[in-house]
């Protein structure tokens, strides 16, 4: 059982209605900020296409399904509000953290 950094009662409506996403335990369990994210084609009606990473996850780490999960985007926004301004970006967009902001990745 995972021990999340935020308790369910700490989650507030910051970015409701955006659908689901993938986020790693580095964010939801360890409390690391989002260091890299991208939006790909949705895999189903509930999927927004967003994928959120701290940015230091290895291929081996990502290979274990126990190290990431599917969450409502609002949940991830509660862990890192820096994602909120980029949520309207189209599929194919990618962002990396520079300071306190997520900025577009060139060539993504």
PDB file of N, CA and C in Angstrom:
ATOM      1  N   UNK A   1       0.847  -1.185   0.000  1.00  0.00           N
ATOM      2  CA  UNK A   1       0.000   0.000   0.000  1.00  0.00           C
ATOM      3  C   UNK A   1       0.887   1.241   0.000  1.00  0.00           C
ATOM      4  N   UNK A   2       0.564   2.178  -0.861  1.00  0.00           N
ATOM      5  CA  UNK A   2       1.356   3.401  -0.977  1.00  0.00           C
ATOM      6  C   UNK A   2       0.989   4.388   0.133  1.00  0.00           C
ATOM      7  N   UNK A   3       1.981   5.111   0.576  1.00  0.00           N
ATOM      8  CA  UNK A   3       1.771   6.171   1.559  1.00  0.00           C
ATOM      9  C   UNK A   3       1.947   7.506   0.826  1.00  0.00           C
ATOM     10  N   UNK A   4       0.820   8.086   0.395  1.00  0.00           N
ATOM     11  CA  UNK A   4       0.854   9.310  -0.394  1.00  0.00           C
ATOM     12  C   UNK A   4       1.268  10.513   0.446  1.00  0.00           C
ATOM     13  N   UNK A   5       1.948  11.450  -0.185  1.00  0.00           N
ATOM     14  CA  UNK A   5       2.415  12.664   0.490  1.00  0.00           C
ATOM     15  C   UNK A   5       1.231  13.494   0.990  1.00  0.00           C
ATOM     16  N   UNK A   6       0.142  13.541   0.212  1.00  0.00           N
ATOM     17  CA  UNK A   6      -1.061  14.270   0.609  1.00  0.00           C
ATOM     18  C   UNK A   6      -2.163  13.283   0.981  1.00  0.00           C
ATOM     19  N   UNK A   7      -2.873  13.595   2.032  1.00  0.00           N
ATOM     20  CA  UNK A   7      -4.035  12.788   2.412  1.00  0.00           C
ATOM     21  C   UNK A   7      -5.225  13.206   1.561  1.00  0.00           C
ATOM     22  N   UNK A   8      -6.188  12.329   1.401  1.00  0.00           N
ATOM     23  CA  UNK A   8      -7.356  12.610   0.566  1.00  0.00           C
ATOM     24  C   UNK A   8      -8.058  13.905   0.967  1.00  0.00           C
ATOM     25  N   UNK A   9      -8.138  14.191   2.256  1.00  0.00           N
ATOM     26  CA  UNK A   9      -8.822  15.412   2.713  1.00  0.00           C
ATOM     27  C   UNK A   9      -8.041  16.687   2.387  1.00  0.00           C
ATOM     28  N   UNK A  10      -6.785  16.554   1.976  1.00  0.00           N
ATOM     29  CA  UNK A  10      -5.972  17.716   1.605  1.00  0.00           C
ATOM     30  C   UNK A  10      -6.132  18.099   0.137  1.00  0.00           C
ATOM     31  N   UNK A  11      -6.777  17.263  -0.652  1.00  0.00           N
ATOM     32  CA  UNK A  11      -6.974  17.529  -2.079  1.00  0.00           C
ATOM     33  C   UNK A  11      -8.161  18.471  -2.245  1.00  0.00           C
ATOM     34  N   UNK A  12      -7.911  19.614  -2.906  1.00  0.00           N
ATOM     35  CA  UNK A  12      -8.963  20.597  -3.158  1.00  0.00           C
ATOM     36  C   UNK A  12      -9.138  20.771  -4.664  1.00  0.00           C
ATOM     37  N   UNK A  13     -10.208  21.431  -5.067  1.00  0.00           N
ATOM     38  CA  UNK A  13     -10.500  21.632  -6.494  1.00  0.00           C
ATOM     39  C   UNK A  13      -9.630  22.765  -7.050  1.00  0.00           C
ATOM     40  N   UNK A  14      -8.510  22.401  -7.661  1.00  0.00           N
ATOM     41  CA  UNK A  14      -7.617  23.369  -8.306  1.00  0.00           C
ATOM     42  C   UNK A  14      -7.721  23.300  -9.829  1.00  0.00           C
ATOM     43  N   UNK A  15      -7.933  22.102 -10.353  1.00  0.00           N
ATOM     44  CA  UNK A  15      -7.991  21.894 -11.804  1.00  0.00           C
ATOM     45  C   UNK A  15      -8.958  20.758 -12.116  1.00  0.00           C
ATOM     46  N   UNK A  16     -10.213  20.882 -11.700  1.00  0.00           N
ATOM     47  CA  UNK A  16     -11.172  19.804 -11.951  1.00  0.00           C
ATOM     48  C   UNK A  16     -11.580  19.738 -13.420  1.00  0.00           C
ATOM     49  N   UNK A  17     -12.035  18.564 -13.832  1.00  0.00           N
ATOM     50  CA  UNK A  17     -12.605  18.412 -15.161  1.00  0.00           C
ATOM     51  C   UNK A  17     -11.619  18.205 -16.290  1.00  0.00           C
ATOM     52  N   UNK A  18     -10.367  17.894 -15.986  1.00  0.00           N
ATOM     53  CA  UNK A  18      -9.363  17.687 -17.033  1.00  0.00           C
ATOM     54  C   UNK A  18      -9.129  16.222 -17.368  1.00  0.00           C
ATOM     55  N   UNK A  19      -9.731  15.319 -16.611  1.00  0.00           N
ATOM     56  CA  UNK A  19      -9.569  13.894 -16.896  1.00  0.00           C
ATOM     57  C   UNK A  19      -8.428  13.273 -16.135  1.00  0.00           C
ATOM     58  N   UNK A  20      -8.070  12.079 -16.569  1.00  0.00           N
ATOM     59  CA  UNK A  20      -7.034  11.316 -15.901  1.00  0.00           C
ATOM     60  C   UNK A  20      -5.667  11.507 -16.522  1.00  0.00           C
ATOM     61  N   UNK A  21      -4.652  11.052 -15.793  1.00  0.00           N
ATOM     62  CA  UNK A  21      -3.271  11.189 -16.250  1.00  0.00           C
ATOM     63  C   UNK A  21      -2.410  10.140 -15.571  1.00  0.00           C
ATOM     64  N   UNK A  22      -1.195   9.995 -16.037  1.00  0.00           N
ATOM     65  CA  UNK A  22      -0.211   9.154 -15.380  1.00  0.00           C
ATOM     66  C   UNK A  22       0.715  10.064 -14.590  1.00  0.00           C
ATOM     67  N   UNK A  23       1.037   9.668 -13.369  1.00  0.00           N
ATOM     68  CA  UNK A  23       2.030  10.387 -12.556  1.00  0.00           C
ATOM     69  C   UNK A  23       2.851   9.359 -11.797  1.00  0.00           C
ATOM     70  N   UNK A  24       4.099   9.687 -11.550  1.00  0.00           N
ATOM     71  CA  UNK A  24       4.975   8.749 -10.853  1.00  0.00           C
ATOM     72  C   UNK A  24       4.909   8.958  -9.340  1.00  0.00           C
ATOM     73  N   UNK A  25       5.343   7.931  -8.632  1.00  0.00           N
ATOM     74  CA  UNK A  25       5.407   7.997  -7.178  1.00  0.00           C
ATOM     75  C   UNK A  25       6.411   9.033  -6.685  1.00  0.00           C
ATOM     76  N   UNK A  26       7.348   9.405  -7.510  1.00  0.00           N
ATOM     77  CA  UNK A  26       8.276  10.470  -7.118  1.00  0.00           C
ATOM     78  C   UNK A  26       7.483  11.736  -6.798  1.00  0.00           C
ATOM     79  N   UNK A  27       6.361  11.939  -7.478  1.00  0.00           N
ATOM     80  CA  UNK A  27       5.507  13.102  -7.240  1.00  0.00           C
ATOM     81  C   UNK A  27       4.517  12.811  -6.121  1.00  0.00           C
ATOM     82  N   UNK A  28       3.734  11.752  -6.263  1.00  0.00           N
ATOM     83  CA  UNK A  28       2.613  11.511  -5.350  1.00  0.00           C
ATOM     84  C   UNK A  28       2.999  10.896  -4.007  1.00  0.00           C
ATOM     85  N   UNK A  29       4.102  10.191  -3.960  1.00  0.00           N
ATOM     86  CA  UNK A  29       4.544   9.575  -2.705  1.00  0.00           C
ATOM     87  C   UNK A  29       5.691  10.372  -2.084  1.00  0.00           C
ATOM     88  N   UNK A  30       6.691  10.698  -2.905  1.00  0.00           N
ATOM     89  CA  UNK A  30       7.874  11.398  -2.394  1.00  0.00           C
ATOM     90  C   UNK A  30       7.677  12.910  -2.291  1.00  0.00           C
ATOM     91  N   UNK A  31       6.712  13.448  -3.033  1.00  0.00           N
ATOM     92  CA  UNK A  31       6.454  14.884  -2.986  1.00  0.00           C
ATOM     93  C   UNK A  31       7.367  15.721  -3.864  1.00  0.00           C
ATOM     94  N   UNK A  32       8.066  15.091  -4.809  1.00  0.00           N
ATOM     95  CA  UNK A  32       8.923  15.841  -5.734  1.00  0.00           C
ATOM     96  C   UNK A  32       8.056  16.675  -6.675  1.00  0.00           C
ATOM     97  N   UNK A  33       8.534  17.856  -7.081  1.00  0.00           N
ATOM     98  CA  UNK A  33       7.774  18.645  -8.054  1.00  0.00           C
ATOM     99  C   UNK A  33       7.831  17.999  -9.440  1.00  0.00           C
ATOM    100  N   UNK A  34       6.882  18.362 -10.285  1.00  0.00           N
ATOM    101  CA  UNK A  34       6.893  17.902 -11.670  1.00  0.00           C
ATOM    102  C   UNK A  34       8.090  18.554 -12.356  1.00  0.00           C
ATOM    103  N   UNK A  35       8.986  17.718 -12.883  1.00  0.00           N
ATOM    104  CA  UNK A  35      10.166  18.231 -13.575  1.00  0.00           C
ATOM    105  C   UNK A  35      10.034  18.123 -15.082  1.00  0.00           C
ATOM    106  N   UNK A  36       9.151  17.231 -15.528  1.00  0.00           N
ATOM    107  CA  UNK A  36       8.945  17.018 -16.962  1.00  0.00           C
ATOM    108  C   UNK A  36       7.543  16.460 -17.164  1.00  0.00           C
ATOM    109  N   UNK A  37       6.879  16.934 -18.190  1.00  0.00           N
ATOM    110  CA  UNK A  37       5.566  16.380 -18.531  1.00  0.00           C
ATOM    111  C   UNK A  37       5.342  16.512 -20.030  1.00  0.00           C
ATOM    112  N   UNK A  38       4.492  15.655 -20.525  1.00  0.00           N
ATOM    113  CA  UNK A  38       4.123  15.736 -21.938  1.00  0.00           C
ATOM    114  C   UNK A  38       2.696  15.262 -22.097  1.00  0.00           C
ATOM    115  N   UNK A  39       2.123  15.624 -23.259  1.00  0.00           N
ATOM    116  CA  UNK A  39       0.762  15.202 -23.560  1.00  0.00           C
ATOM    117  C   UNK A  39       0.767  14.425 -24.857  1.00  0.00           C
ATOM    118  N   UNK A  40       0.284  13.194 -24.773  1.00  0.00           N
ATOM    119  CA  UNK A  40       0.195  12.341 -25.955  1.00  0.00           C
ATOM    120  C   UNK A  40      -1.266  12.082 -26.274  1.00  0.00           C
ATOM    121  N   UNK A  41      -1.509  11.329 -27.306  1.00  0.00           N
ATOM    122  CA  UNK A  41      -2.881  10.975 -27.665  1.00  0.00           C
ATOM    123  C   UNK A  41      -3.529  10.210 -26.518  1.00  0.00           C
ATOM    124  N   UNK A  42      -4.771  10.505 -26.272  1.00  0.00           N
ATOM    125  CA  UNK A  42      -5.518   9.830 -25.207  1.00  0.00           C
ATOM    126  C   UNK A  42      -5.694   8.354 -25.532  1.00  0.00           C
ATOM    127  N   UNK A  43      -5.631   7.523 -24.490  1.00  0.00           N
ATOM    128  CA  UNK A  43      -5.815   6.091 -24.709  1.00  0.00           C
ATOM    129  C   UNK A  43      -7.271   5.661 -24.522  1.00  0.00           C
ATOM    130  N   UNK A  44      -8.085   6.542 -23.905  1.00  0.00           N
ATOM    131  CA  UNK A  44      -9.519   6.278 -23.737  1.00  0.00           C
ATOM    132  C   UNK A  44     -10.220   7.588 -23.383  1.00  0.00           C
ATOM    133  N   UNK A  45     -11.529   7.548 -23.211  1.00  0.00           N
ATOM    134  CA  UNK A  45     -12.305   8.772 -22.981  1.00  0.00           C
ATOM    135  C   UNK A  45     -11.926   9.491 -21.685  1.00  0.00           C
ATOM    136  N   UNK A  46     -11.482   8.764 -20.694  1.00  0.00           N
ATOM    137  CA  UNK A  46     -11.136   9.357 -19.401  1.00  0.00           C
ATOM    138  C   UNK A  46      -9.709   9.900 -19.369  1.00  0.00           C
ATOM    139  N   UNK A  47      -8.872   9.456 -20.307  1.00  0.00           N
ATOM    140  CA  UNK A  47      -7.453   9.827 -20.336  1.00  0.00           C
ATOM    141  C   UNK A  47      -7.258  11.171 -21.029  1.00  0.00           C
ATOM    142  N   UNK A  48      -6.576  12.087 -20.351  1.00  0.00           N
ATOM    143  CA  UNK A  48      -6.266  13.397 -20.927  1.00  0.00           C
ATOM    144  C   UNK A  48      -5.063  13.337 -21.855  1.00  0.00           C
ATOM    145  N   UNK A  49      -4.259  12.279 -21.714  1.00  0.00           N
ATOM    146  CA  UNK A  49      -3.018  12.178 -22.474  1.00  0.00           C
ATOM    147  C   UNK A  49      -1.814  12.723 -21.720  1.00  0.00           C
ATOM    148  N   UNK A  50      -2.027  13.365 -20.572  1.00  0.00           N
ATOM    149  CA  UNK A  50      -0.927  13.949 -19.801  1.00  0.00           C
ATOM    150  C   UNK A  50      -0.156  12.873 -19.047  1.00  0.00           C
ATOM    151  N   UNK A  51       1.177  13.036 -19.026  1.00  0.00           N
ATOM    152  CA  UNK A  51       2.093  12.159 -18.306  1.00  0.00           C
ATOM    153  C   UNK A  51       3.032  13.060 -17.495  1.00  0.00           C
ATOM    154  N   UNK A  52       3.105  12.840 -16.179  1.00  0.00           N
ATOM    155  CA  UNK A  52       3.872  13.708 -15.284  1.00  0.00           C
ATOM    156  C   UNK A  52       4.973  12.929 -14.577  1.00  0.00           C
ATOM    157  N   UNK A  53       6.181  13.500 -14.591  1.00  0.00           N
ATOM    158  CA  UNK A  53       7.368  12.874 -14.019  1.00  0.00           C
ATOM    159  C   UNK A  53       8.146  13.899 -13.192  1.00  0.00           C
ATOM    160  N   UNK A  54       8.872  13.422 -12.194  1.00  0.00           N
ATOM    161  CA  UNK A  54       9.790  14.301 -11.465  1.00  0.00           C
ATOM    162  C   UNK A  54      10.967  14.641 -12.377  1.00  0.00           C
ATOM    163  N   UNK A  55      11.304  13.730 -13.250  1.00  0.00           N
ATOM    164  CA  UNK A  55      12.393  13.958 -14.202  1.00  0.00           C
ATOM    165  C   UNK A  55      13.641  13.163 -13.895  1.00  0.00           C
ATOM    166  N   UNK A  56      13.664  12.494 -12.746  1.00  0.00           N
ATOM    167  CA  UNK A  56      14.834  11.697 -12.393  1.00  0.00           C
ATOM    168  C   UNK A  56      14.536  10.194 -12.353  1.00  0.00           C
ATOM    169  N   UNK A  57      13.376   9.808 -12.879  1.00  0.00           N
ATOM    170  CA  UNK A  57      13.002   8.399 -12.917  1.00  0.00           C
ATOM    171  C   UNK A  57      13.807   7.671 -13.998  1.00  0.00           C
ATOM    172  N   UNK A  58      14.370   6.542 -13.626  1.00  0.00           N
ATOM    173  CA  UNK A  58      15.135   5.740 -14.586  1.00  0.00           C
ATOM    174  C   UNK A  58      14.190   4.858 -15.398  1.00  0.00           C
ATOM    175  N   UNK A  59      14.718   4.265 -16.448  1.00  0.00           N
ATOM    176  CA  UNK A  59      13.937   3.330 -17.255  1.00  0.00           C
ATOM    177  C   UNK A  59      13.529   2.131 -16.397  1.00  0.00           C
ATOM    178  N   UNK A  60      14.427   1.694 -15.532  1.00  0.00           N
ATOM    179  CA  UNK A  60      14.135   0.573 -14.632  1.00  0.00           C
ATOM    180  C   UNK A  60      13.001   0.942 -13.670  1.00  0.00           C
ATOM    181  N   UNK A  61      13.052   2.152 -13.120  1.00  0.00           N
ATOM    182  CA  UNK A  61      12.004   2.640 -12.218  1.00  0.00           C
ATOM    183  C   UNK A  61      10.654   2.640 -12.931  1.00  0.00           C
ATOM    184  N   UNK A  62      10.621   3.173 -14.143  1.00  0.00           N
ATOM    185  CA  UNK A  62       9.382   3.246 -14.909  1.00  0.00           C
ATOM    186  C   UNK A  62       8.898   1.864 -15.343  1.00  0.00           C
ATOM    187  N   UNK A  63       9.813   0.905 -15.433  1.00  0.00           N
ATOM    188  CA  UNK A  63       9.447  -0.444 -15.822  1.00  0.00           C
ATOM    189  C   UNK A  63       8.636  -1.192 -14.777  1.00  0.00           C
ATOM    190  N   UNK A  64       8.628  -0.675 -13.563  1.00  0.00           N
ATOM    191  CA  UNK A  64       7.845  -1.290 -12.493  1.00  0.00           C
ATOM    192  C   UNK A  64       6.522  -0.547 -12.356  1.00  0.00           C
ATOM    193  N   UNK A  65       5.419  -1.226 -12.654  1.00  0.00           N
ATOM    194  CA  UNK A  65       4.102  -0.574 -12.611  1.00  0.00           C
ATOM    195  C   UNK A  65       3.738  -0.088 -11.214  1.00  0.00           C
ATOM    196  N   UNK A  66       4.414  -0.576 -10.192  1.00  0.00           N
ATOM    197  CA  UNK A  66       4.154  -0.125  -8.832  1.00  0.00           C
ATOM    198  C   UNK A  66       4.699   1.252  -8.532  1.00  0.00           C
ATOM    199  N   UNK A  67       5.475   1.825  -9.459  1.00  0.00           N
ATOM    200  CA  UNK A  67       6.086   3.136  -9.235  1.00  0.00           C
ATOM    201  C   UNK A  67       5.329   4.295  -9.877  1.00  0.00           C
ATOM    202  N   UNK A  68       4.184   4.021 -10.450  1.00  0.00           N
ATOM    203  CA  UNK A  68       3.374   5.090 -11.042  1.00  0.00           C
ATOM    204  C   UNK A  68       1.924   4.653 -11.030  1.00  0.00           C
ATOM    205  N   UNK A  69       1.042   5.604 -11.295  1.00  0.00           N
ATOM    206  CA  UNK A  69      -0.374   5.273 -11.276  1.00  0.00           C
ATOM    207  C   UNK A  69      -1.179   6.247 -12.098  1.00  0.00           C
ATOM    208  N   UNK A  70      -2.455   5.967 -12.210  1.00  0.00           N
ATOM    209  CA  UNK A  70      -3.398   6.814 -12.937  1.00  0.00           C
ATOM    210  C   UNK A  70      -4.153   7.653 -11.903  1.00  0.00           C
ATOM    211  N   UNK A  71      -4.162   8.960 -12.111  1.00  0.00           N
ATOM    212  CA  UNK A  71      -4.784   9.896 -11.182  1.00  0.00           C
ATOM    213  C   UNK A  71      -5.615  10.909 -11.948  1.00  0.00           C
ATOM    214  N   UNK A  72      -6.537  11.546 -11.260  1.00  0.00           N
ATOM    215  CA  UNK A  72      -7.221  12.698 -11.806  1.00  0.00           C
ATOM    216  C   UNK A  72      -6.199  13.834 -11.863  1.00  0.00           C
ATOM    217  N   UNK A  73      -6.213  14.612 -12.927  1.00  0.00           N
ATOM    218  CA  UNK A  73      -5.268  15.722 -13.041  1.00  0.00           C
ATOM    219  C   UNK A  73      -5.375  16.663 -11.849  1.00  0.00           C
ATOM    220  N   UNK A  74      -6.568  16.851 -11.327  1.00  0.00           N
ATOM    221  CA  UNK A  74      -6.723  17.706 -10.160  1.00  0.00           C
ATOM    222  C   UNK A  74      -5.849  17.240  -8.995  1.00  0.00           C
ATOM    223  N   UNK A  75      -5.710  15.939  -8.830  1.00  0.00           N
ATOM    224  CA  UNK A  75      -4.862  15.408  -7.762  1.00  0.00           C
ATOM    225  C   UNK A  75      -3.418  15.836  -7.973  1.00  0.00           C
ATOM    226  N   UNK A  76      -2.910  15.694  -9.193  1.00  0.00           N
ATOM    227  CA  UNK A  76      -1.527  16.071  -9.482  1.00  0.00           C
ATOM    228  C   UNK A  76      -1.345  17.586  -9.320  1.00  0.00           C
ATOM    229  N   UNK A  77      -2.346  18.366  -9.686  1.00  0.00           N
ATOM    230  CA  UNK A  77      -2.280  19.820  -9.501  1.00  0.00           C
ATOM    231  C   UNK A  77      -2.136  20.181  -8.028  1.00  0.00           C
ATOM    232  N   UNK A  78      -2.684  19.379  -7.152  1.00  0.00           N
ATOM    233  CA  UNK A  78      -2.532  19.622  -5.718  1.00  0.00           C
ATOM    234  C   UNK A  78      -1.105  19.347  -5.258  1.00  0.00           C
ATOM    235  N   UNK A  79      -0.413  18.464  -5.925  1.00  0.00           N
ATOM    236  CA  UNK A  79       0.984  18.203  -5.608  1.00  0.00           C
ATOM    237  C   UNK A  79       1.893  19.280  -6.193  1.00  0.00           C
ATOM    238  N   UNK A  80       1.529  19.797  -7.353  1.00  0.00           N
ATOM    239  CA  UNK A  80       2.351  20.820  -8.004  1.00  0.00           C
ATOM    240  C   UNK A  80       1.467  21.720  -8.865  1.00  0.00           C
ATOM    241  N   UNK A  81       1.173  22.902  -8.366  1.00  0.00           N
ATOM    242  CA  UNK A  81       0.298  23.833  -9.073  1.00  0.00           C
ATOM    243  C   UNK A  81       0.930  24.396 -10.347  1.00  0.00           C
ATOM    244  N   UNK A  82       2.214  24.167 -10.565  1.00  0.00           N
ATOM    245  CA  UNK A  82       2.876  24.641 -11.783  1.00  0.00           C
ATOM    246  C   UNK A  82       2.307  23.991 -13.032  1.00  0.00           C
ATOM    247  N   UNK A  83       1.599  22.859 -12.887  1.00  0.00           N
ATOM    248  CA  UNK A  83       1.039  22.207 -14.072  1.00  0.00           C
ATOM    249  C   UNK A  83      -0.205  22.933 -14.589  1.00  0.00           C
ATOM    250  N   UNK A  84      -0.870  23.683 -13.748  1.00  0.00           N
ATOM    251  CA  UNK A  84      -2.164  24.273 -14.117  1.00  0.00           C
ATOM    252  C   UNK A  84      -2.086  25.141 -15.374  1.00  0.00           C
ATOM    253  N   UNK A  85      -1.104  26.034 -15.506  1.00  0.00           N
ATOM    254  CA  UNK A  85      -1.070  26.873 -16.718  1.00  0.00           C
ATOM    255  C   UNK A  85      -0.844  26.115 -18.024  1.00  0.00           C
ATOM    256  N   UNK A  86      -0.311  24.899 -17.982  1.00  0.00           N
ATOM    257  CA  UNK A  86      -0.009  24.168 -19.220  1.00  0.00           C
ATOM    258  C   UNK A  86      -1.081  23.159 -19.611  1.00  0.00           C
ATOM    259  N   UNK A  87      -2.099  22.982 -18.796  1.00  0.00           N
ATOM    260  CA  UNK A  87      -3.081  21.924 -19.038  1.00  0.00           C
ATOM    261  C   UNK A  87      -3.859  22.073 -20.338  1.00  0.00           C
ATOM    262  N   UNK A  88      -3.948  23.262 -20.882  1.00  0.00           N
ATOM    263  CA  UNK A  88      -4.650  23.476 -22.146  1.00  0.00           C
ATOM    264  C   UNK A  88      -3.799  23.230 -23.376  1.00  0.00           C
ATOM    265  N   UNK A  89      -2.543  22.855 -23.184  1.00  0.00           N
ATOM    266  CA  UNK A  89      -1.636  22.615 -24.313  1.00  0.00           C
ATOM    267  C   UNK A  89      -2.111  21.408 -25.124  1.00  0.00           C
ATOM    268  N   UNK A  90      -1.886  21.442 -26.433  1.00  0.00           N
ATOM    269  CA  UNK A  90      -2.351  20.349 -27.294  1.00  0.00           C
ATOM    270  C   UNK A  90      -1.500  19.090 -27.175  1.00  0.00           C
ATOM    271  N   UNK A  91      -2.025  17.996 -27.701  1.00  0.00           N
ATOM    272  CA  UNK A  91      -1.252  16.759 -27.785  1.00  0.00           C
ATOM    273  C   UNK A  91       0.040  17.042 -28.532  1.00  0.00           C
ATOM    274  N   UNK A  92       1.104  16.382 -28.105  1.00  0.00           N
ATOM    275  CA  UNK A  92       2.425  16.605 -28.705  1.00  0.00           C
ATOM    276  C   UNK A  92       3.244  17.630 -27.950  1.00  0.00           C
ATOM    277  N   UNK A  93       2.638  18.306 -26.966  1.00  0.00           N
ATOM    278  CA  UNK A  93       3.354  19.294 -26.164  1.00  0.00           C
ATOM    279  C   UNK A  93       4.181  18.615 -25.087  1.00  0.00           C
ATOM    280  N   UNK A  94       5.310  19.239 -24.733  1.00  0.00           N
ATOM    281  CA  UNK A  94       6.156  18.763 -23.640  1.00  0.00           C
ATOM    282  C   UNK A  94       6.701  19.974 -22.900  1.00  0.00           C
ATOM    283  N   UNK A  95       6.877  19.813 -21.599  1.00  0.00           N
ATOM    284  CA  UNK A  95       7.340  20.901 -20.751  1.00  0.00           C
ATOM    285  C   UNK A  95       8.367  20.377 -19.760  1.00  0.00           C
ATOM    286  N   UNK A  96       9.338  21.253 -19.424  1.00  0.00           N
ATOM    287  CA  UNK A  96      10.312  20.936 -18.400  1.00  0.00           C
ATOM    288  C   UNK A  96      10.356  22.072 -17.391  1.00  0.00           C
ATOM    289  N   UNK A  97      10.749  21.739 -16.167  1.00  0.00           N
ATOM    290  CA  UNK A  97      10.802  22.743 -15.116  1.00  0.00           C
ATOM    291  C   UNK A  97      12.080  23.563 -15.248  1.00  0.00           C
ATOM    292  N   UNK A  98      11.883  24.869 -15.261  1.00  0.00           N
ATOM    293  CA  UNK A  98      12.980  25.830 -15.162  1.00  0.00           C
ATOM    294  C   UNK A  98      12.581  26.746 -14.011  1.00  0.00           C
ATOM    295  N   UNK A  99      13.289  26.652 -12.914  1.00  0.00           N
ATOM    296  CA  UNK A  99      12.902  27.414 -11.727  1.00  0.00           C
ATOM    297  C   UNK A  99      11.572  26.922 -11.200  1.00  0.00           C
ATOM    298  N   UNK A 100      10.630  27.836 -11.069  1.00  0.00           N
ATOM    299  CA  UNK A 100       9.298  27.483 -10.544  1.00  0.00           C
ATOM    300  C   UNK A 100       8.260  27.276 -11.634  1.00  0.00           C
ATOM    301  N   UNK A 101       8.677  27.313 -12.902  1.00  0.00           N
ATOM    302  CA  UNK A 101       7.718  27.210 -14.009  1.00  0.00           C
ATOM    303  C   UNK A 101       8.013  26.016 -14.891  1.00  0.00           C
ATOM    304  N   UNK A 102       6.968  25.557 -15.572  1.00  0.00           N
ATOM    305  CA  UNK A 102       7.120  24.568 -16.617  1.00  0.00           C
ATOM    306  C   UNK A 102       7.131  25.318 -17.935  1.00  0.00           C
ATOM    307  N   UNK A 103       8.205  25.142 -18.695  1.00  0.00           N
ATOM    308  CA  UNK A 103       8.377  25.851 -19.960  1.00  0.00           C
ATOM    309  C   UNK A 103       8.406  24.848 -21.105  1.00  0.00           C
ATOM    310  N   UNK A 104       7.951  25.259 -22.295  1.00  0.00           N
ATOM    311  CA  UNK A 104       7.920  24.330 -23.437  1.00  0.00           C
ATOM    312  C   UNK A 104       9.305  23.793 -23.773  1.00  0.00           C
ATOM    313  N   UNK A 105       9.348  22.527 -24.143  1.00  0.00           N
ATOM    314  CA  UNK A 105      10.568  21.887 -24.599  1.00  0.00           C
ATOM    315  C   UNK A 105      10.675  22.139 -26.092  1.00  0.00           C
ATOM    316  N   UNK A 106      11.785  22.680 -26.516  1.00  0.00           N
ATOM    317  CA  UNK A 106      12.006  22.952 -27.939  1.00  0.00           C
ATOM    318  C   UNK A 106      12.017  21.647 -28.725  1.00  0.00           C
ATOM    319  N   UNK A 107      11.340  21.620 -29.846  1.00  0.00           N
ATOM    320  CA  UNK A 107      11.344  20.475 -30.727  1.00  0.00           C
ATOM    321  C   UNK A 107      10.420  19.347 -30.300  1.00  0.00           C
ATOM    322  N   UNK A 108       9.612  19.585 -29.286  1.00  0.00           N
ATOM    323  CA  UNK A 108       8.697  18.528 -28.830  1.00  0.00           C
ATOM    324  C   UNK A 108       7.445  18.506 -29.671  1.00  0.00           C
TER     325      UNK A 108
END
